C-alpha atoms as a PDB file:
ATOM      1  CA  UNK A   1     -21.329  33.915  19.016  1.00  0.00           C
ATOM      2  CA  UNK A   2     -21.289  31.826  16.005  1.00  0.00           C
ATOM      3  CA  UNK A   3     -19.916  28.332  15.739  1.00  0.00           C
ATOM      4  CA  UNK A   4     -17.359  29.648  12.959  1.00  0.00           C
ATOM      5  CA  UNK A   5     -16.381  32.449  15.601  1.00  0.00           C
ATOM      6  CA  UNK A   6     -16.085  30.242  18.271  1.00  0.00           C
ATOM      7  CA  UNK A   7     -13.453  27.963  16.330  1.00  0.00           C
ATOM      8  CA  UNK A   8     -11.628  31.272  15.315  1.00  0.00           C
ATOM      9  CA  UNK A   9     -11.104  32.189  18.877  1.00  0.00           C
ATOM     10  CA  UNK A  10     -10.192  28.680  19.992  1.00  0.00           C
ATOM     11  CA  UNK A  11      -7.599  28.366  17.587  1.00  0.00           C
ATOM     12  CA  UNK A  12      -6.314  31.799  18.041  1.00  0.00           C
ATOM     13  CA  UNK A  13      -5.775  30.962  21.597  1.00  0.00           C
ATOM     14  CA  UNK A  14      -3.963  27.864  20.365  1.00  0.00           C
ATOM     15  CA  UNK A  15      -1.659  29.664  18.281  1.00  0.00           C
ATOM     16  CA  UNK A  16      -0.903  32.072  20.826  1.00  0.00           C
ATOM     17  CA  UNK A  17       0.609  29.260  23.205  1.00  0.00           C
ATOM     18  CA  UNK A  18       3.110  28.805  20.425  1.00  0.00           C
ATOM     19  CA  UNK A  19       3.618  32.449  19.488  1.00  0.00           C
ATOM     20  CA  UNK A  20       2.366  31.525  16.144  1.00  0.00           C
ATOM     21  CA  UNK A  21       5.467  29.928  15.104  1.00  0.00           C
ATOM     22  CA  UNK A  22       5.058  27.600  12.090  1.00  0.00           C
ATOM     23  CA  UNK A  23       7.524  25.088  13.043  1.00  0.00           C
ATOM     24  CA  UNK A  24       4.902  24.076  15.796  1.00  0.00           C
ATOM     25  CA  UNK A  25       2.756  22.881  13.412  1.00  0.00           C
ATOM     26  CA  UNK A  26       2.135  19.338  14.822  1.00  0.00           C
ATOM     27  CA  UNK A  27       1.989  20.292  18.304  1.00  0.00           C
ATOM     28  CA  UNK A  28      -0.655  22.958  17.326  1.00  0.00           C
ATOM     29  CA  UNK A  29      -2.456  20.459  15.413  1.00  0.00           C
ATOM     30  CA  UNK A  30      -2.218  18.046  18.707  1.00  0.00           C
ATOM     31  CA  UNK A  31      -3.912  20.774  20.640  1.00  0.00           C
ATOM     32  CA  UNK A  32      -6.750  21.289  18.040  1.00  0.00           C
ATOM     33  CA  UNK A  33      -7.268  17.800  18.082  1.00  0.00           C
ATOM     34  CA  UNK A  34      -7.397  17.411  22.285  1.00  0.00           C
ATOM     35  CA  UNK A  35      -9.832  20.474  22.067  1.00  0.00           C
ATOM     36  CA  UNK A  36     -12.516  19.153  19.440  1.00  0.00           C
ATOM     37  CA  UNK A  37     -11.360  15.201  19.640  1.00  0.00           C
ATOM     38  CA  UNK A  38     -10.591  15.624  15.595  1.00  0.00           C
ATOM     39  CA  UNK A  39      -9.273  18.157  13.158  1.00  0.00           C
ATOM     40  CA  UNK A  40     -12.192  20.065  11.907  1.00  0.00           C
ATOM     41  CA  UNK A  41     -12.153  21.416   8.555  1.00  0.00           C
ATOM     42  CA  UNK A  42     -12.648  24.914   9.893  1.00  0.00           C
ATOM     43  CA  UNK A  43     -10.073  24.544  12.313  1.00  0.00           C
ATOM     44  CA  UNK A  44      -7.223  23.349   9.757  1.00  0.00           C
ATOM     45  CA  UNK A  45      -8.177  26.484   7.466  1.00  0.00           C
ATOM     46  CA  UNK A  46      -7.887  28.887  10.414  1.00  0.00           C
ATOM     47  CA  UNK A  47      -4.445  27.037  11.085  1.00  0.00           C
ATOM     48  CA  UNK A  48      -3.483  27.309   7.617  1.00  0.00           C
ATOM     49  CA  UNK A  49      -4.495  31.207   7.304  1.00  0.00           C
ATOM     50  CA  UNK A  50      -3.088  32.320  10.526  1.00  0.00           C
ATOM     51  CA  UNK A  51       0.302  30.575  10.109  1.00  0.00           C
ATOM     52  CA  UNK A  52       0.581  31.252   6.335  1.00  0.00           C
ATOM     53  CA  UNK A  53       1.099  27.789   5.372  1.00  0.00           C
ATOM     54  CA  UNK A  54      -0.524  26.479   2.313  1.00  0.00           C
ATOM     55  CA  UNK A  55      -3.674  24.604   3.311  1.00  0.00           C
ATOM     56  CA  UNK A  56      -2.597  21.584   1.260  1.00  0.00           C
ATOM     57  CA  UNK A  57       0.492  21.215   3.317  1.00  0.00           C
ATOM     58  CA  UNK A  58      -1.176  21.381   6.624  1.00  0.00           C
ATOM     59  CA  UNK A  59      -3.611  18.739   5.482  1.00  0.00           C
ATOM     60  CA  UNK A  60      -0.559  16.628   4.035  1.00  0.00           C
ATOM     61  CA  UNK A  61       0.725  16.661   7.847  1.00  0.00           C
ATOM     62  CA  UNK A  62      -2.804  15.884   9.045  1.00  0.00           C
ATOM     63  CA  UNK A  63      -3.305  13.059   7.006  1.00  0.00           C
ATOM     64  CA  UNK A  64       0.269  11.709   7.247  1.00  0.00           C
ATOM     65  CA  UNK A  65       0.066  10.934  11.080  1.00  0.00           C
ATOM     66  CA  UNK A  66      -2.341   8.298  12.164  1.00  0.00           C
ATOM     67  CA  UNK A  67      -2.612  10.327  15.511  1.00  0.00           C
ATOM     68  CA  UNK A  68      -4.627  12.611  13.698  1.00  0.00           C
ATOM     69  CA  UNK A  69      -8.373  12.383  12.667  1.00  0.00           C
ATOM     70  CA  UNK A  70     -10.246  14.393  10.074  1.00  0.00           C
ATOM     71  CA  UNK A  71     -13.471  12.498  11.480  1.00  0.00           C
ATOM     72  CA  UNK A  72     -15.236  13.173  14.393  1.00  0.00           C
ATOM     73  CA  UNK A  73     -14.181  10.696  17.042  1.00  0.00           C
ATOM     74  CA  UNK A  74     -15.906   9.275  20.136  1.00  0.00           C
ATOM     75  CA  UNK A  75     -15.584  10.218  23.525  1.00  0.00           C
ATOM     76  CA  UNK A  76     -13.770   6.599  24.357  1.00  0.00           C
ATOM     77  CA  UNK A  77     -11.007   5.119  21.838  1.00  0.00           C
ATOM     78  CA  UNK A  78     -11.685   1.225  21.433  1.00  0.00           C
ATOM     79  CA  UNK A  79      -8.877  -0.515  19.839  1.00  0.00           C
ATOM     80  CA  UNK A  80      -9.069  -4.388  19.171  1.00  0.00           C
ATOM     81  CA  UNK A  81      -5.418  -5.952  18.894  1.00  0.00           C
ATOM     82  CA  UNK A  82      -5.304  -7.902  15.805  1.00  0.00           C
ATOM     83  CA  UNK A  83      -1.809  -8.971  16.148  1.00  0.00           C
ATOM     84  CA  UNK A  84      -0.906 -12.614  15.610  1.00  0.00           C
ATOM     85  CA  UNK A  85      -1.064 -13.528  19.239  1.00  0.00           C
ATOM     86  CA  UNK A  86      -4.314 -12.013  19.608  1.00  0.00           C
ATOM     87  CA  UNK A  87      -5.664 -13.258  16.114  1.00  0.00           C
ATOM     88  CA  UNK A  88      -4.884 -16.713  17.042  1.00  0.00           C
ATOM     89  CA  UNK A  89      -6.935 -16.446  20.333  1.00  0.00           C
ATOM     90  CA  UNK A  90      -9.942 -15.161  18.776  1.00  0.00           C
ATOM     91  CA  UNK A  91      -9.753 -11.216  18.157  1.00  0.00           C
ATOM     92  CA  UNK A  92     -11.644 -11.384  14.869  1.00  0.00           C
ATOM     93  CA  UNK A  93     -14.532 -12.439  16.788  1.00  0.00           C
ATOM     94  CA  UNK A  94     -14.362  -9.950  19.416  1.00  0.00           C
ATOM     95  CA  UNK A  95     -13.780  -7.318  16.948  1.00  0.00           C
ATOM     96  CA  UNK A  96     -17.124  -8.522  15.145  1.00  0.00           C
ATOM     97  CA  UNK A  97     -19.037  -8.673  18.517  1.00  0.00           C
ATOM     98  CA  UNK A  98     -17.677  -4.986  19.296  1.00  0.00           C
ATOM     99  CA  UNK A  99     -18.938  -4.155  15.726  1.00  0.00           C
ATOM    100  CA  UNK A 100     -22.613  -5.532  16.628  1.00  0.00           C
ATOM    101  CA  UNK A 101     -22.791  -4.395  20.104  1.00  0.00           C
ATOM    102  CA  UNK A 102     -21.628  -0.613  18.995  1.00  0.00           C
ATOM    103  CA  UNK A 103     -23.439  -0.600  15.418  1.00  0.00           C
ATOM    104  CA  UNK A 104     -20.749   0.661  13.505  1.00  0.00           C
ATOM    105  CA  UNK A 105     -17.806  -0.819  11.371  1.00  0.00           C
ATOM    106  CA  UNK A 106     -14.371  -1.079  12.348  1.00  0.00           C
ATOM    107  CA  UNK A 107     -12.594   2.484  11.788  1.00  0.00           C
ATOM    108  CA  UNK A 108     -16.028   4.357  12.485  1.00  0.00           C
ATOM    109  CA  UNK A 109     -17.586   6.446  15.053  1.00  0.00           C
ATOM    110  CA  UNK A 110     -21.068   5.371  17.146  1.00  0.00           C
ATOM    111  CA  UNK A 111     -23.867   7.690  15.938  1.00  0.00           C
ATOM    112  CA  UNK A 112     -23.984   9.144  19.537  1.00  0.00           C
ATOM    113  CA  UNK A 113     -20.068   9.808  19.677  1.00  0.00           C
ATOM    114  CA  UNK A 114     -19.635   7.579  22.672  1.00  0.00           C
ATOM    115  CA  UNK A 115     -17.046   5.114  21.091  1.00  0.00           C
ATOM    116  CA  UNK A 116     -14.658   5.110  18.085  1.00  0.00           C
ATOM    117  CA  UNK A 117     -13.664   1.534  16.957  1.00  0.00           C
ATOM    118  CA  UNK A 118     -10.497   0.473  15.560  1.00  0.00           C
ATOM    119  CA  UNK A 119      -8.632  -2.626  14.808  1.00  0.00           C
ATOM    120  CA  UNK A 120      -5.013  -2.495  15.090  1.00  0.00           C
ATOM    121  CA  UNK A 121      -1.755  -4.515  14.695  1.00  0.00           C
ATOM    122  CA  UNK A 122      -0.435  -4.980  17.991  1.00  0.00           C
ATOM    123  CA  UNK A 123      -0.604  -3.143  21.423  1.00  0.00           C
ATOM    124  CA  UNK A 124       2.590  -5.161  22.648  1.00  0.00           C
ATOM    125  CA  UNK A 125       0.809  -7.286  25.448  1.00  0.00           C
ATOM    126  CA  UNK A 126       0.845 -10.530  23.804  1.00  0.00           C
ATOM    127  CA  UNK A 127       0.691 -12.747  26.818  1.00  0.00           C
ATOM    128  CA  UNK A 128      -2.759 -11.085  27.954  1.00  0.00           C
ATOM    129  CA  UNK A 129      -4.193 -11.815  24.450  1.00  0.00           C
ATOM    130  CA  UNK A 130      -6.988 -11.472  23.063  1.00  0.00           C
ATOM    131  CA  UNK A 131      -6.459  -7.459  24.172  1.00  0.00           C
ATOM    132  CA  UNK A 132      -8.618  -4.367  24.111  1.00  0.00           C
ATOM    133  CA  UNK A 133      -7.365  -1.232  24.679  1.00  0.00           C
ATOM    134  CA  UNK A 134     -10.251   1.347  25.877  1.00  0.00           C
ATOM    135  CA  UNK A 135      -8.785   5.173  26.385  1.00  0.00           C
ATOM    136  CA  UNK A 136      -5.347   3.845  26.843  1.00  0.00           C
ATOM    137  CA  UNK A 137      -6.364   1.125  29.498  1.00  0.00           C
ATOM    138  CA  UNK A 138      -5.329  -2.702  28.323  1.00  0.00           C
ATOM    139  CA  UNK A 139      -8.242  -4.960  29.064  1.00  0.00           C
ATOM    140  CA  UNK A 140      -6.716  -8.542  28.580  1.00  0.00           C
ATOM    141  CA  UNK A 141      -8.196 -11.914  28.078  1.00  0.00           C
ATOM    142  CA  UNK A 142     -11.051 -10.642  26.454  1.00  0.00           C
ATOM    143  CA  UNK A 143     -13.724 -13.092  24.963  1.00  0.00           C
ATOM    144  CA  UNK A 144     -16.923 -12.626  23.084  1.00  0.00           C
ATOM    145  CA  UNK A 145     -18.892 -12.823  26.281  1.00  0.00           C
ATOM    146  CA  UNK A 146     -16.945 -10.417  27.683  1.00  0.00           C
ATOM    147  CA  UNK A 147     -17.622  -7.580  25.156  1.00  0.00           C
ATOM    148  CA  UNK A 148     -21.143  -6.175  26.317  1.00  0.00           C
ATOM    149  CA  UNK A 149     -20.517  -5.946  29.774  1.00  0.00           C
ATOM    150  CA  UNK A 150     -16.980  -4.355  29.067  1.00  0.00           C
ATOM    151  CA  UNK A 151     -18.617  -1.394  26.812  1.00  0.00           C
ATOM    152  CA  UNK A 152     -21.158  -1.019  29.686  1.00  0.00           C
ATOM    153  CA  UNK A 153     -18.540   0.244  31.978  1.00  0.00           C
ATOM    154  CA  UNK A 154     -18.182   3.448  29.947  1.00  0.00           C
ATOM    155  CA  UNK A 155     -21.007   6.320  29.753  1.00  0.00           C
END
């Protein structure tokens, strides 16, 4: 089975869960992203065609919401809090160390697709600052020295 055929089959299955109802576009895109870990161009085109929604409209929804990604993402999502409380406790240095250890710039995914690194404004855990959130797990009181061991905990 070709890659395009596999995408079409997967998208068709997702669309069927929602009775191919246009009003469920966001939920459909969420399921597509859960399947691929991002929104592949081919998948967006298939959703557009199947739901008879202009491609530009589907892309508008996909780019409006920060939860969606048009670029492949890593197996692990790493968010470094850059809010005020974390910033004054050295969050910028932690982010720089993360970039160095992962060999990736903030906002990108490692070449091996293991990690996606992002800086975020605030995670709401100021008392634990500086905070790093990996796959939804909050890790508090992170220091530059703790970055490498922290990353080694993830396969």
